[in-house]
Protein backbone atom coordinates (compact mmCIF):
# COMPACT_ATOMS: atom_id res chain seq x y z
CA MET A 1 -13.57 -13.34 7.32
CA THR A 2 -13.43 -10.81 4.51
CA SER A 3 -11.01 -9.65 1.87
CA GLN A 4 -8.99 -6.49 2.35
CA ARG A 5 -7.62 -4.81 -0.76
CA ILE A 6 -4.44 -2.81 -0.26
CA SER A 7 -3.00 -0.42 -2.82
CA ILE A 8 0.50 1.01 -2.53
CA PHE A 9 1.12 4.41 -4.16
CA THR A 10 4.68 5.71 -4.07
CA PHE A 11 4.69 8.00 -7.11
CA LEU A 12 8.15 6.71 -7.96
CA ALA A 13 6.40 3.76 -9.54
CA VAL A 14 4.31 3.87 -12.69
CA VAL A 15 1.87 1.11 -11.80
CA GLN A 16 -0.34 0.34 -8.84
CA ILE A 17 0.39 -2.78 -6.79
CA PHE A 18 -2.52 -4.71 -5.30
CA ILE A 19 -2.12 -7.20 -2.46
CA ALA A 20 -4.96 -9.36 -1.17
CA LEU A 21 -5.08 -10.15 2.55
CA ILE A 22 -7.58 -11.95 4.74
CA VAL A 23 -8.64 -9.95 7.78
CA SER A 24 -11.34 -10.18 10.42
CA SER A 25 -13.24 -6.97 9.72
CA ALA A 26 -16.79 -6.04 8.85
CA GLY A 27 -16.50 -5.53 5.10
CA ALA A 28 -13.80 -4.71 2.60
CA ILE A 29 -11.43 -1.85 3.40
CA ASP A 30 -9.08 -0.28 0.87
CA ILE A 31 -5.80 0.97 2.36
CA PHE A 32 -3.64 3.37 0.36
CA ILE A 33 -0.07 4.13 1.37
CA GLY A 34 2.06 6.94 -0.04
CA ALA A 35 5.69 7.70 0.66
CA PRO A 36 6.16 11.19 2.13
CA GLY A 37 7.90 13.93 0.19
CA LEU A 38 6.83 12.59 -3.21
CA GLY A 39 3.75 14.68 -3.86
CA PHE A 40 1.27 12.23 -2.37
CA ASN A 41 -2.28 13.23 -3.31
CA PRO A 42 -5.07 12.16 -0.94
CA PHE A 43 -7.70 13.09 -3.52
CA ARG A 44 -7.26 10.27 -5.99
CA ASP A 45 -10.98 9.58 -5.80
CA PRO A 46 -12.86 12.61 -7.25
CA ASN A 47 -15.83 11.80 -5.02
CA LEU A 48 -13.74 12.86 -2.02
CA THR A 49 -12.74 16.34 -3.16
CA GLN A 50 -15.83 18.05 -1.73
CA ASN A 51 -16.37 15.70 1.18
CA VAL A 52 -13.15 15.65 3.18
CA GLY A 53 -11.42 17.99 5.61
CA PHE A 54 -8.01 18.13 7.33
CA GLU A 55 -6.79 18.86 10.84
CA ASN A 56 -3.09 19.71 11.12
CA PHE A 57 -3.12 21.20 14.65
CA SER A 58 -1.30 24.34 13.45
CA ASN A 59 -3.69 26.68 15.27
CA LEU A 60 -3.32 24.94 18.63
CA ASN A 61 -0.97 25.67 21.48
CA LEU A 62 1.63 23.14 22.58
CA SER A 63 -0.51 21.61 25.26
CA TYR A 64 -2.81 18.77 26.33
CA TYR A 65 -6.49 19.08 25.39
CA TYR A 66 -9.18 17.18 27.26
CA ASN A 67 -11.66 18.26 24.59
CA TYR A 68 -10.96 19.92 21.26
CA GLU A 69 -13.69 20.55 18.66
CA SER A 70 -12.55 20.60 15.03
CA ASN A 71 -14.38 21.33 11.79
CA PHE A 72 -11.33 20.02 9.93
CA GLY A 73 -10.77 23.26 8.08
CA LEU A 74 -14.20 23.22 6.43
CA GLY A 75 -15.76 26.13 8.30
CA PRO A 76 -18.86 26.37 10.52
CA SER A 77 -21.30 25.24 7.81
CA THR A 78 -19.70 21.85 7.21
CA ASP A 79 -21.71 18.68 7.70
CA ILE A 80 -18.73 16.80 9.16
CA SER A 81 -16.82 17.55 12.36
CA GLY A 82 -15.00 15.85 15.19
CA THR A 83 -14.10 16.04 18.86
CA TYR A 84 -10.68 15.04 20.18
CA ASN A 85 -10.34 13.77 23.75
CA GLY A 86 -6.89 13.45 25.31
CA LEU A 87 -5.12 15.31 22.50
CA ARG A 88 -1.45 16.11 23.14
CA VAL A 89 0.11 18.58 20.69
CA LYS A 90 3.87 18.87 20.13
CA SER A 91 6.06 21.05 17.95
CA ASN A 92 7.45 19.66 14.71
CA ASP A 93 10.62 17.63 15.24
CA LEU A 94 12.48 14.65 13.86
CA TYR A 95 9.74 12.24 14.88
CA GLY A 96 6.57 14.08 13.92
CA GLY A 97 5.00 16.80 11.81
CA SER A 98 4.26 17.04 8.11
CA GLY A 99 6.77 19.56 6.79
CA SER A 100 9.75 21.36 8.23
CA SER A 101 7.58 23.36 10.66
CA GLY A 102 4.23 23.07 12.38
CA LYS A 103 2.76 20.77 15.02
CA TYR A 104 1.54 17.21 15.43
CA ALA A 105 -0.42 14.90 17.73
CA VAL A 106 1.15 12.21 19.90
CA ALA A 107 -0.38 9.42 21.98
CA TYR A 108 1.50 7.41 24.60
CA LYS A 109 0.94 4.16 26.48
CA GLY A 110 -1.94 4.66 28.88
CA SER A 111 -2.82 8.01 27.30
CA GLU A 112 -4.74 7.31 24.11
CA ILE A 113 -6.35 9.91 21.87
CA LYS A 114 -10.04 9.51 21.03
CA LEU A 115 -11.52 11.21 17.98
CA ASN A 116 -15.31 11.13 17.74
CA VAL A 117 -16.52 12.10 14.26
CA ARG A 118 -19.94 13.24 13.10
CA ARG A 119 -21.83 13.75 9.86
CA THR A 120 -25.20 15.46 9.72
CA GLY A 121 -27.96 12.98 8.99
CA ARG A 122 -25.69 9.92 9.13
CA THR A 123 -24.33 7.63 11.84
CA GLY A 124 -20.69 7.82 10.74
CA LEU A 125 -18.09 8.36 8.04
CA GLY A 126 -16.26 6.14 5.56
CA TYR A 127 -12.88 7.83 5.05
CA PHE A 128 -9.92 8.50 7.32
CA SER A 129 -6.27 9.27 6.60
CA LEU A 130 -3.21 10.48 8.45
CA TYR A 131 0.47 11.21 8.10
CA TRP A 132 1.98 8.48 10.30
CA SER A 133 5.55 9.38 11.22
CA ALA A 134 8.35 7.50 12.98
CA ILE A 135 6.21 4.35 12.85
CA ASP A 136 6.65 1.95 15.76
CA GLU A 137 5.23 -1.57 15.78
CA SER A 138 3.62 -0.80 19.14
CA ASN A 139 1.45 1.98 17.67
CA TRP A 140 -2.21 1.15 17.08
CA LEU A 141 -5.38 2.54 15.50
CA LYS A 142 -8.86 1.33 16.40
CA PHE A 143 -12.09 2.20 14.57
CA PHE A 144 -15.53 1.96 16.18
CA HIS A 145 -19.13 2.43 15.10
CA GLN A 146 -21.79 3.00 17.74
CA GLY A 147 -19.52 1.51 20.39
CA VAL A 148 -18.65 -1.62 18.43
CA SER A 149 -15.10 -2.26 17.18
CA VAL A 150 -15.07 -2.49 13.38
CA TYR A 151 -11.37 -2.46 12.47
CA ASN A 152 -7.92 -2.46 14.10
CA TYR A 153 -4.63 -1.54 12.46
CA THR A 154 -1.18 -1.45 14.06
CA GLY A 155 2.24 -0.05 13.42
CA LYS A 156 3.33 -3.62 12.81
CA ASP A 157 0.81 -3.86 9.96
CA ALA A 158 2.05 -0.59 8.51
CA LYS A 159 5.71 -1.59 8.78
CA LYS A 160 5.01 -4.88 7.03
CA LEU A 161 3.74 -2.97 4.00
CA VAL A 162 6.57 -0.47 4.18
CA ASP A 163 9.18 -3.22 4.30
CA GLU A 164 7.71 -4.80 1.17
CA HIS A 165 8.24 -1.58 -0.76
CA GLY A 166 11.65 -0.41 0.21
CA TRP A 167 13.88 2.38 1.31
CA ARG A 168 11.78 5.33 0.13
CA PHE A 169 9.60 5.13 3.25
CA TYR A 170 12.52 5.27 5.68
CA GLY A 171 13.84 8.47 7.20
CA ASN A 172 12.17 11.82 7.73
CA PRO A 173 12.09 13.60 4.33
CA PHE A 174 11.53 16.96 6.00
CA PHE A 175 14.74 16.63 8.05
CA ASN A 176 17.54 15.74 5.66
CA THR A 177 21.23 16.39 5.21
CA TRP A 178 23.63 15.92 2.34
CA THR A 179 23.99 12.31 3.46
CA GLY A 180 20.22 11.69 3.19
CA PHE A 181 17.11 11.67 5.35
CA ARG A 182 17.59 11.64 9.11
CA ASN A 183 16.25 8.89 11.40
CA ARG A 184 16.59 6.26 8.68
CA ASN A 185 15.69 3.42 11.05
CA GLN A 186 12.01 4.48 11.17
CA ALA A 187 9.33 4.68 8.47
CA TYR A 188 7.16 7.67 7.52
CA ALA A 189 4.04 7.36 5.37
CA TRP A 190 0.63 8.77 4.49
CA ILE A 191 -2.00 6.11 5.04
CA GLU A 192 -5.65 6.22 3.94
CA PHE A 193 -8.52 3.98 5.00
CA HIS A 194 -11.51 3.64 2.66
CA PHE A 195 -14.42 1.84 4.33
CA ASN A 196 -16.48 0.45 1.48
CA ASP A 197 -19.53 -0.96 3.27
CA GLN A 198 -18.90 -0.02 6.89
CA LEU A 199 -19.11 3.32 8.72
CA PHE A 200 -17.11 4.48 11.75
CA ASP A 201 -17.79 7.24 14.24
CA GLU A 202 -14.72 6.96 16.49
CA VAL A 203 -10.97 6.57 15.94
CA ARG A 204 -8.57 5.83 18.78
CA PHE A 205 -4.80 6.29 18.68
CA GLY A 206 -2.52 4.57 21.16
CA ASP A 207 0.67 2.72 21.90
CA THR A 208 1.40 -0.48 23.81
CA ASP A 209 4.95 0.61 24.63
CA ASP A 210 6.49 3.92 25.59
CA ALA A 211 7.52 4.80 22.05
CA GLY A 212 4.69 7.24 21.27
CA PHE A 213 2.33 7.34 18.28
CA GLU A 214 3.16 10.47 16.25
CA SER A 215 0.70 11.62 13.57
CA ASP A 216 -0.40 14.68 11.62
CA GLU A 217 -2.75 15.76 8.83
CA HIS A 218 -5.75 13.83 10.10
CA ALA A 219 -8.48 13.76 7.46
CA ILE A 220 -12.09 12.64 7.72
CA GLY A 221 -14.65 12.40 4.98
CA TYR A 222 -17.25 10.36 3.18
CA PHE A 223 -18.16 9.06 -0.23
CA PRO A 224 -21.48 10.30 -1.70
CA GLU A 225 -23.05 6.85 -1.58
CA THR A 226 -22.35 6.28 2.13
């Protein structure tokens, strides 16, 4: 059993809040959560600025991809890349997409998305983040390294953190009216995973119900020491 450090960043608060949890994972993992629409900055750690790339699916058609190769916006000379298997791309709507336009990925029960990531000269990466929208407790993320499960995280875990920090996570900030954000019964958040002494080379996205796991702005990267 190891200690997991979780930091909540909302940018409406002045201070950082740290919560200690006990989890069954291989090493300490820092999880950062930011409320959408508040200028969340995924580059708080300066070591990440040159070593991380994003995939927002904007260049893809609205379709299902058995295999999709991505350099995460870093160009052909990058040392990190990834391959999506079972990627379903939808157009921005109330339940998914970062912004008022664009596209996002969705996984359903029995139709998970697999993302295999690579770094030249290494066996894996240490950083992953995503914009997790319309969070359902049945959503799940699973991280693997060389075929071995190293960490699991669910929508229920994410909602527990959201519920501890209030209303600002609820409702889609990119679809709002004069009465407030729409779909106020579901949470929306940017979530980052920093693996401190463990690498991963595969991320799986899925759902145990028929709700769908909507996500966007997938980012992969590494810290110089890993």
